[in-house]
N, C-alpha and C. Protein backbone atom coordinates (compact mmCIF):
# COMPACT_ATOMS: atom_id res chain seq x y z
N MET A 1 0.85 -1.17 0.00
CA MET A 1 0.00 0.00 0.00
C MET A 1 0.89 1.23 0.00
N GLY A 2 0.69 2.10 -0.95
CA GLY A 2 1.50 3.30 -1.07
C GLY A 2 1.13 4.36 -0.04
N TRP A 3 2.06 5.30 0.17
CA TRP A 3 1.85 6.37 1.14
C TRP A 3 0.64 7.22 0.76
N ARG A 4 0.43 7.47 -0.52
CA ARG A 4 -0.71 8.30 -0.93
C ARG A 4 -2.03 7.66 -0.53
N ILE A 5 -2.11 6.34 -0.63
CA ILE A 5 -3.33 5.66 -0.22
C ILE A 5 -3.51 5.81 1.29
N ILE A 6 -2.44 5.60 2.05
CA ILE A 6 -2.52 5.74 3.51
C ILE A 6 -2.91 7.17 3.87
N ALA A 7 -2.36 8.16 3.17
CA ALA A 7 -2.64 9.56 3.49
C ALA A 7 -4.11 9.89 3.28
N ARG A 8 -4.80 9.17 2.40
CA ARG A 8 -6.22 9.45 2.15
C ARG A 8 -7.14 8.73 3.13
N MET A 9 -6.59 7.86 3.95
CA MET A 9 -7.42 7.12 4.89
C MET A 9 -7.92 8.05 5.98
N LYS A 10 -9.08 7.76 6.45
CA LYS A 10 -9.63 8.49 7.59
C LYS A 10 -9.03 7.91 8.87
N PRO A 11 -8.90 8.73 9.92
CA PRO A 11 -8.31 8.23 11.17
C PRO A 11 -9.03 7.01 11.74
N SER A 12 -10.29 6.83 11.39
CA SER A 12 -11.03 5.69 11.92
C SER A 12 -10.92 4.46 11.01
N ASP A 13 -10.26 4.59 9.86
CA ASP A 13 -10.15 3.51 8.89
C ASP A 13 -9.42 2.32 9.52
N PRO A 14 -10.04 1.13 9.49
CA PRO A 14 -9.38 -0.05 10.07
C PRO A 14 -8.04 -0.38 9.41
N GLU A 15 -7.90 -0.10 8.12
CA GLU A 15 -6.64 -0.39 7.44
C GLU A 15 -5.51 0.50 7.98
N LEU A 16 -5.83 1.75 8.30
CA LEU A 16 -4.82 2.63 8.89
C LEU A 16 -4.37 2.07 10.23
N ARG A 17 -5.31 1.61 11.03
CA ARG A 17 -4.96 1.01 12.32
C ARG A 17 -4.08 -0.23 12.12
N THR A 18 -4.42 -1.03 11.14
CA THR A 18 -3.63 -2.22 10.84
C THR A 18 -2.21 -1.84 10.43
N GLN A 19 -2.10 -0.85 9.57
CA GLN A 19 -0.78 -0.42 9.11
C GLN A 19 0.06 0.14 10.25
N LEU A 20 -0.54 0.94 11.12
CA LEU A 20 0.20 1.49 12.27
C LEU A 20 0.61 0.39 13.24
N ALA A 21 -0.27 -0.58 13.45
CA ALA A 21 0.07 -1.70 14.34
C ALA A 21 1.23 -2.50 13.76
N ARG A 22 1.22 -2.74 12.46
CA ARG A 22 2.32 -3.47 11.81
C ARG A 22 3.62 -2.67 11.89
N LEU A 23 3.52 -1.37 11.72
CA LEU A 23 4.71 -0.51 11.84
C LEU A 23 5.27 -0.60 13.25
N LEU A 24 4.41 -0.51 14.25
CA LEU A 24 4.85 -0.59 15.64
C LEU A 24 5.47 -1.95 15.94
N ASP A 25 4.88 -3.01 15.39
CA ASP A 25 5.41 -4.36 15.60
C ASP A 25 6.75 -4.57 14.92
N GLY A 26 7.05 -3.74 13.92
CA GLY A 26 8.29 -3.90 13.18
C GLY A 26 8.14 -4.81 11.98
N ASP A 27 6.92 -5.07 11.57
CA ASP A 27 6.70 -5.91 10.40
C ASP A 27 7.01 -5.14 9.13
N ASP A 28 7.20 -5.88 8.07
CA ASP A 28 7.43 -5.35 6.73
C ASP A 28 8.87 -4.89 6.54
N ALA A 29 9.18 -3.62 6.77
CA ALA A 29 10.48 -3.08 6.41
C ALA A 29 11.60 -3.39 7.41
N HIS A 30 11.26 -3.74 8.61
CA HIS A 30 12.28 -3.93 9.65
C HIS A 30 12.14 -5.30 10.30
N MET A 31 13.21 -5.73 10.92
CA MET A 31 13.16 -6.95 11.71
C MET A 31 12.41 -6.65 13.00
N ARG A 32 11.55 -7.55 13.39
CA ARG A 32 10.82 -7.38 14.65
C ARG A 32 11.81 -7.35 15.81
N PHE A 33 11.50 -6.56 16.80
CA PHE A 33 12.34 -6.44 17.99
C PHE A 33 12.59 -7.81 18.62
N GLU A 34 11.53 -8.60 18.77
CA GLU A 34 11.69 -9.89 19.44
C GLU A 34 12.58 -10.84 18.65
N HIS A 35 12.65 -10.68 17.33
CA HIS A 35 13.58 -11.48 16.54
C HIS A 35 15.02 -10.97 16.72
N ALA A 36 15.17 -9.67 16.85
CA ALA A 36 16.50 -9.09 17.02
C ALA A 36 17.14 -9.50 18.35
N VAL A 37 16.33 -9.73 19.37
CA VAL A 37 16.88 -10.09 20.68
C VAL A 37 16.80 -11.58 20.96
N ALA A 38 16.18 -12.34 20.06
CA ALA A 38 16.04 -13.78 20.28
C ALA A 38 17.41 -14.45 20.32
N ASP A 39 17.59 -15.31 21.30
CA ASP A 39 18.85 -16.06 21.43
C ASP A 39 20.06 -15.15 21.42
N PHE A 40 19.91 -13.98 21.99
CA PHE A 40 21.02 -13.03 22.01
C PHE A 40 22.14 -13.62 22.85
N PRO A 41 23.36 -13.63 22.35
CA PRO A 41 24.47 -14.25 23.09
C PRO A 41 24.74 -13.53 24.41
N ASP A 42 24.78 -14.27 25.49
CA ASP A 42 25.02 -13.68 26.81
C ASP A 42 26.31 -12.87 26.84
N ASP A 43 27.34 -13.34 26.14
CA ASP A 43 28.63 -12.65 26.18
C ASP A 43 28.62 -11.35 25.35
N ALA A 44 27.56 -11.12 24.60
CA ALA A 44 27.46 -9.89 23.81
C ALA A 44 26.62 -8.80 24.49
N ILE A 45 25.88 -9.15 25.51
CA ILE A 45 24.97 -8.21 26.17
C ILE A 45 25.69 -6.95 26.63
N ASN A 46 26.86 -7.09 27.20
CA ASN A 46 27.60 -5.95 27.76
C ASN A 46 28.85 -5.60 26.96
N ALA A 47 28.96 -6.11 25.75
CA ALA A 47 30.13 -5.85 24.91
C ALA A 47 29.92 -4.57 24.09
N PHE A 48 30.97 -3.79 23.98
CA PHE A 48 30.92 -2.58 23.16
C PHE A 48 31.36 -2.93 21.74
N PRO A 49 30.49 -2.73 20.77
CA PRO A 49 30.89 -2.98 19.38
C PRO A 49 31.85 -1.89 18.91
N PRO A 50 32.57 -2.13 17.83
CA PRO A 50 33.48 -1.09 17.31
C PRO A 50 32.72 0.19 16.96
N ASN A 51 33.28 1.31 17.36
CA ASN A 51 32.75 2.63 17.00
C ASN A 51 31.37 2.93 17.55
N VAL A 52 30.92 2.20 18.57
CA VAL A 52 29.62 2.46 19.18
C VAL A 52 29.82 2.60 20.69
N PRO A 53 29.34 3.69 21.29
CA PRO A 53 29.59 3.89 22.72
C PRO A 53 28.59 3.20 23.65
N TYR A 54 27.75 2.31 23.09
CA TYR A 54 26.74 1.63 23.90
C TYR A 54 26.78 0.14 23.64
N THR A 55 26.43 -0.62 24.67
CA THR A 55 26.32 -2.06 24.53
C THR A 55 24.92 -2.41 24.03
N PRO A 56 24.71 -3.65 23.60
CA PRO A 56 23.35 -4.04 23.23
C PRO A 56 22.35 -3.84 24.36
N TRP A 57 22.75 -4.14 25.60
CA TRP A 57 21.81 -3.91 26.70
C TRP A 57 21.50 -2.42 26.85
N HIS A 58 22.52 -1.55 26.72
CA HIS A 58 22.25 -0.11 26.78
C HIS A 58 21.20 0.27 25.74
N LEU A 59 21.34 -0.27 24.52
CA LEU A 59 20.40 0.06 23.45
C LEU A 59 19.00 -0.46 23.74
N VAL A 60 18.90 -1.71 24.21
CA VAL A 60 17.59 -2.27 24.56
C VAL A 60 16.95 -1.45 25.67
N GLU A 61 17.73 -1.12 26.66
CA GLU A 61 17.19 -0.33 27.78
C GLU A 61 16.80 1.07 27.32
N HIS A 62 17.57 1.66 26.44
CA HIS A 62 17.23 2.97 25.88
C HIS A 62 15.91 2.89 25.10
N LEU A 63 15.76 1.86 24.27
CA LEU A 63 14.51 1.69 23.54
C LEU A 63 13.35 1.51 24.51
N ARG A 64 13.55 0.73 25.56
CA ARG A 64 12.49 0.50 26.55
C ARG A 64 12.11 1.79 27.25
N ILE A 65 13.10 2.53 27.72
CA ILE A 65 12.84 3.78 28.45
C ILE A 65 12.13 4.78 27.54
N THR A 66 12.59 4.92 26.32
CA THR A 66 12.01 5.89 25.40
C THR A 66 10.58 5.51 25.03
N GLN A 67 10.37 4.22 24.75
CA GLN A 67 9.01 3.77 24.44
C GLN A 67 8.08 3.98 25.63
N ARG A 68 8.57 3.70 26.85
CA ARG A 68 7.76 3.91 28.05
C ARG A 68 7.44 5.39 28.23
N ASP A 69 8.40 6.24 27.90
CA ASP A 69 8.19 7.68 27.96
C ASP A 69 7.02 8.08 27.05
N ILE A 70 7.00 7.55 25.84
CA ILE A 70 5.91 7.86 24.91
C ILE A 70 4.59 7.30 25.43
N LEU A 71 4.59 6.10 25.94
CA LEU A 71 3.38 5.50 26.49
C LEU A 71 2.82 6.36 27.64
N ASP A 72 3.69 6.73 28.56
CA ASP A 72 3.24 7.57 29.68
C ASP A 72 2.78 8.94 29.20
N TYR A 73 3.45 9.48 28.20
CA TYR A 73 3.12 10.79 27.63
C TYR A 73 1.70 10.80 27.06
N VAL A 74 1.32 9.74 26.34
CA VAL A 74 -0.02 9.72 25.75
C VAL A 74 -1.09 9.35 26.76
N ARG A 75 -0.74 8.67 27.81
CA ARG A 75 -1.73 8.26 28.83
C ARG A 75 -2.00 9.33 29.88
N ASP A 76 -0.99 10.10 30.24
CA ASP A 76 -1.08 10.95 31.43
C ASP A 76 -0.79 12.41 31.08
N PRO A 77 -1.81 13.27 31.11
CA PRO A 77 -1.60 14.68 30.80
C PRO A 77 -0.61 15.39 31.73
N ALA A 78 -0.42 14.85 32.92
CA ALA A 78 0.50 15.48 33.87
C ALA A 78 1.90 14.88 33.83
N TYR A 79 2.12 13.95 32.93
CA TYR A 79 3.41 13.28 32.86
C TYR A 79 4.53 14.25 32.49
N ALA A 80 5.65 14.11 33.18
CA ALA A 80 6.85 14.90 32.87
C ALA A 80 7.95 13.95 32.43
N SER A 81 8.50 14.20 31.26
CA SER A 81 9.57 13.35 30.74
C SER A 81 10.83 13.50 31.58
N PRO A 82 11.65 12.45 31.60
CA PRO A 82 12.93 12.55 32.32
C PRO A 82 13.87 13.51 31.61
N PRO A 83 14.92 13.93 32.27
CA PRO A 83 15.89 14.83 31.62
C PRO A 83 16.61 14.14 30.48
N TRP A 84 16.89 14.91 29.44
CA TRP A 84 17.64 14.39 28.29
C TRP A 84 19.10 14.76 28.44
N PRO A 85 20.03 13.89 28.18
CA PRO A 85 19.86 12.50 27.78
C PRO A 85 19.93 11.51 28.94
N SER A 86 20.30 12.00 30.12
CA SER A 86 20.57 11.08 31.24
C SER A 86 19.36 10.23 31.62
N GLY A 87 18.16 10.74 31.45
CA GLY A 87 16.98 9.97 31.83
C GLY A 87 16.56 8.92 30.82
N TYR A 88 17.22 8.89 29.69
CA TYR A 88 16.85 7.97 28.61
C TYR A 88 17.88 6.88 28.35
N TRP A 89 18.98 6.92 29.05
CA TRP A 89 20.05 5.94 28.85
C TRP A 89 20.54 5.44 30.20
N PRO A 90 20.93 4.15 30.28
CA PRO A 90 21.64 3.73 31.48
C PRO A 90 23.04 4.35 31.46
N ARG A 91 23.67 4.43 32.61
CA ARG A 91 25.04 4.93 32.66
C ARG A 91 25.92 4.08 31.74
N THR A 92 26.91 4.70 31.13
CA THR A 92 27.76 3.96 30.18
C THR A 92 28.55 2.85 30.85
N ASP A 93 28.77 2.94 32.17
CA ASP A 93 29.48 1.87 32.87
C ASP A 93 28.54 0.82 33.46
N ALA A 94 27.24 0.99 33.27
CA ALA A 94 26.26 0.03 33.80
C ALA A 94 26.26 -1.24 32.95
N THR A 95 26.11 -2.37 33.63
CA THR A 95 26.04 -3.65 32.93
C THR A 95 24.77 -4.37 33.38
N ALA A 96 24.42 -5.41 32.63
CA ALA A 96 23.23 -6.18 32.95
C ALA A 96 23.57 -7.67 32.90
N SER A 97 22.92 -8.40 33.76
CA SER A 97 23.01 -9.86 33.70
C SER A 97 22.07 -10.34 32.59
N PRO A 98 22.19 -11.58 32.17
CA PRO A 98 21.22 -12.10 31.21
C PRO A 98 19.77 -11.98 31.70
N LEU A 99 19.54 -12.16 32.99
CA LEU A 99 18.18 -12.00 33.52
C LEU A 99 17.71 -10.55 33.43
N GLN A 100 18.59 -9.60 33.69
CA GLN A 100 18.23 -8.19 33.56
C GLN A 100 17.98 -7.82 32.10
N PHE A 101 18.78 -8.36 31.19
CA PHE A 101 18.56 -8.15 29.76
C PHE A 101 17.17 -8.67 29.38
N ASP A 102 16.85 -9.89 29.82
CA ASP A 102 15.54 -10.48 29.53
C ASP A 102 14.41 -9.64 30.12
N ASP A 103 14.63 -9.07 31.30
CA ASP A 103 13.61 -8.22 31.93
C ASP A 103 13.40 -6.95 31.11
N SER A 104 14.47 -6.36 30.61
CA SER A 104 14.33 -5.18 29.75
C SER A 104 13.54 -5.52 28.50
N VAL A 105 13.82 -6.68 27.91
CA VAL A 105 13.10 -7.13 26.72
C VAL A 105 11.62 -7.32 27.05
N ARG A 106 11.33 -8.01 28.13
CA ARG A 106 9.93 -8.27 28.53
C ARG A 106 9.17 -6.97 28.76
N ARG A 107 9.78 -6.04 29.46
CA ARG A 107 9.12 -4.76 29.74
C ARG A 107 8.90 -3.96 28.45
N PHE A 108 9.88 -4.01 27.54
CA PHE A 108 9.71 -3.35 26.25
C PHE A 108 8.50 -3.93 25.52
N LEU A 109 8.42 -5.26 25.46
CA LEU A 109 7.32 -5.91 24.75
C LEU A 109 5.97 -5.63 25.42
N ASP A 110 5.93 -5.58 26.75
CA ASP A 110 4.69 -5.25 27.46
C ASP A 110 4.22 -3.85 27.11
N ASP A 111 5.13 -2.90 27.09
CA ASP A 111 4.76 -1.52 26.78
C ASP A 111 4.36 -1.37 25.31
N ARG A 112 5.05 -2.09 24.44
CA ARG A 112 4.68 -2.05 23.03
C ARG A 112 3.27 -2.61 22.84
N ALA A 113 2.94 -3.67 23.57
CA ALA A 113 1.60 -4.24 23.50
C ALA A 113 0.54 -3.23 23.97
N ALA A 114 0.87 -2.44 24.98
CA ALA A 114 -0.06 -1.42 25.45
C ALA A 114 -0.26 -0.34 24.38
N LEU A 115 0.80 0.07 23.72
CA LEU A 115 0.67 1.05 22.64
C LEU A 115 -0.12 0.46 21.47
N ARG A 116 0.14 -0.79 21.16
CA ARG A 116 -0.57 -1.45 20.07
C ARG A 116 -2.06 -1.54 20.38
N ALA A 117 -2.40 -1.82 21.62
CA ALA A 117 -3.81 -1.88 22.02
C ALA A 117 -4.49 -0.53 21.82
N MET A 118 -3.76 0.54 22.07
CA MET A 118 -4.32 1.87 21.84
C MET A 118 -4.57 2.10 20.35
N VAL A 119 -3.63 1.66 19.51
CA VAL A 119 -3.77 1.83 18.06
C VAL A 119 -5.00 1.09 17.55
N THR A 120 -5.24 -0.09 18.05
CA THR A 120 -6.35 -0.90 17.54
C THR A 120 -7.68 -0.61 18.23
N ASP A 121 -7.68 0.25 19.23
CA ASP A 121 -8.91 0.63 19.93
C ASP A 121 -9.68 1.64 19.10
N GLU A 122 -10.77 1.21 18.49
CA GLU A 122 -11.54 2.08 17.60
C GLU A 122 -12.20 3.24 18.33
N ALA A 123 -12.24 3.19 19.64
CA ALA A 123 -12.80 4.31 20.41
C ALA A 123 -11.83 5.49 20.47
N LEU A 124 -10.58 5.25 20.15
CA LEU A 124 -9.58 6.32 20.19
C LEU A 124 -9.40 6.90 18.79
N ASP A 125 -9.41 8.20 18.68
CA ASP A 125 -9.18 8.89 17.40
C ASP A 125 -7.68 9.06 17.23
N LEU A 126 -7.13 8.37 16.25
CA LEU A 126 -5.68 8.38 16.03
C LEU A 126 -5.14 9.76 15.69
N ALA A 127 -5.94 10.57 15.01
CA ALA A 127 -5.46 11.86 14.52
C ALA A 127 -5.83 13.04 15.41
N ALA A 128 -6.64 12.82 16.39
CA ALA A 128 -7.08 13.93 17.25
C ALA A 128 -5.90 14.46 18.06
N PRO A 129 -5.76 15.78 18.13
CA PRO A 129 -4.72 16.33 19.00
C PRO A 129 -4.99 15.93 20.45
N MET A 130 -3.95 15.56 21.15
CA MET A 130 -4.11 15.23 22.57
C MET A 130 -4.34 16.53 23.31
N PRO A 131 -5.33 16.58 24.20
CA PRO A 131 -5.68 17.84 24.87
C PRO A 131 -4.51 18.50 25.60
N HIS A 132 -3.62 17.70 26.15
CA HIS A 132 -2.50 18.26 26.93
C HIS A 132 -1.31 18.62 26.05
N THR A 133 -1.39 18.35 24.77
CA THR A 133 -0.27 18.65 23.89
C THR A 133 -0.78 18.89 22.47
N PRO A 134 -1.37 20.06 22.24
CA PRO A 134 -1.93 20.37 20.92
C PRO A 134 -0.89 20.16 19.81
N GLY A 135 -1.37 19.58 18.71
CA GLY A 135 -0.48 19.31 17.60
C GLY A 135 0.11 17.92 17.64
N HIS A 136 0.04 17.25 18.77
CA HIS A 136 0.53 15.88 18.88
C HIS A 136 -0.68 14.95 18.95
N SER A 137 -0.61 13.88 18.19
CA SER A 137 -1.70 12.90 18.17
C SER A 137 -1.14 11.53 18.51
N LEU A 138 -2.03 10.59 18.77
CA LEU A 138 -1.61 9.22 19.02
C LEU A 138 -0.88 8.67 17.80
N ALA A 139 -1.38 8.95 16.60
CA ALA A 139 -0.73 8.46 15.38
C ALA A 139 0.70 9.00 15.28
N ARG A 140 0.91 10.25 15.63
CA ARG A 140 2.25 10.84 15.60
C ARG A 140 3.17 10.13 16.57
N GLU A 141 2.70 9.89 17.77
CA GLU A 141 3.53 9.26 18.79
C GLU A 141 3.86 7.81 18.43
N ILE A 142 2.91 7.11 17.82
CA ILE A 142 3.15 5.73 17.39
C ILE A 142 4.21 5.72 16.30
N ARG A 143 4.12 6.64 15.36
CA ARG A 143 5.10 6.72 14.28
C ARG A 143 6.50 6.99 14.83
N ILE A 144 6.59 7.94 15.75
CA ILE A 144 7.89 8.25 16.36
C ILE A 144 8.45 7.03 17.08
N CYS A 145 7.60 6.37 17.83
CA CYS A 145 8.03 5.19 18.58
C CYS A 145 8.51 4.09 17.63
N ALA A 146 7.74 3.82 16.60
CA ALA A 146 8.11 2.76 15.65
C ALA A 146 9.41 3.10 14.93
N ASP A 147 9.57 4.35 14.52
CA ASP A 147 10.81 4.77 13.88
C ASP A 147 12.01 4.54 14.80
N HIS A 148 11.84 4.93 16.04
CA HIS A 148 12.92 4.84 17.02
C HIS A 148 13.29 3.39 17.32
N ASN A 149 12.30 2.51 17.30
CA ASN A 149 12.53 1.11 17.67
C ASN A 149 13.08 0.26 16.53
N ALA A 150 13.35 0.85 15.38
CA ALA A 150 13.68 0.08 14.19
C ALA A 150 15.16 -0.32 14.06
N TYR A 151 15.94 -0.17 15.10
CA TYR A 151 17.35 -0.55 15.00
C TYR A 151 17.77 -1.31 16.23
N LEU A 152 18.79 -2.15 16.11
CA LEU A 152 19.39 -2.80 17.27
C LEU A 152 20.47 -3.80 16.91
N ARG A 153 20.10 -4.96 16.45
CA ARG A 153 21.03 -6.09 16.41
C ARG A 153 22.19 -5.93 15.44
N GLN A 154 22.00 -5.26 14.33
CA GLN A 154 23.07 -5.14 13.35
C GLN A 154 24.31 -4.48 13.93
N VAL A 155 24.16 -3.70 14.98
CA VAL A 155 25.30 -3.02 15.61
C VAL A 155 26.34 -4.03 16.09
N MET A 156 25.88 -5.14 16.62
CA MET A 156 26.79 -6.13 17.21
C MET A 156 27.16 -7.26 16.28
N ASN A 157 26.55 -7.35 15.12
CA ASN A 157 26.79 -8.47 14.20
C ASN A 157 26.59 -9.80 14.91
N THR A 158 25.45 -9.94 15.60
CA THR A 158 25.12 -11.17 16.33
C THR A 158 23.94 -11.88 15.69
N TRP A 159 23.86 -11.81 14.38
CA TRP A 159 22.74 -12.41 13.66
C TRP A 159 22.75 -13.92 13.70
N GLY A 160 23.90 -14.52 13.71
CA GLY A 160 23.97 -15.98 13.60
C GLY A 160 23.98 -16.40 12.13
N ALA A 161 24.15 -17.68 11.91
CA ALA A 161 24.33 -18.19 10.55
C ALA A 161 23.11 -17.96 9.66
N THR A 162 21.90 -17.98 10.20
CA THR A 162 20.70 -17.85 9.37
C THR A 162 20.48 -16.44 8.87
N HIS A 163 21.14 -15.43 9.44
CA HIS A 163 20.93 -14.04 9.02
C HIS A 163 22.14 -13.45 8.32
N ALA A 164 23.19 -14.22 8.16
CA ALA A 164 24.43 -13.70 7.59
C ALA A 164 24.27 -13.31 6.13
């Protein structure tokens, strides 16, 4: 489906909701988040790849924190975002155990499911400006979130033989 067709859809159009949900899930143009972290090597969780100042766990945690920020932002008119950039990243010297990595992944997926539920809720107007933030809509926040979540595993080259 081309962009022009999507642009002509009404905010209540079920196909628009489907397309936004697929975008959030990472279907079509990007690898799904859960595939990117599947069977992630324990010894790579805290490793710094060449020319990147963050470990895979730092990136997963950053994606989780940022996505949660967007979720809280659309749910709560009184929500205040954390300071940038310190509130959106773990400390560069912070490390995670495999269980902590898995917890970050689980929490990311839980929050993504909550955002997805909002997208598919026909009672919510995707294009309506949010009362506490004129000019921002749920559709805008979903797009930003999906764009932001579209990267991760290629940084570490931990694809395994099936993705080489």
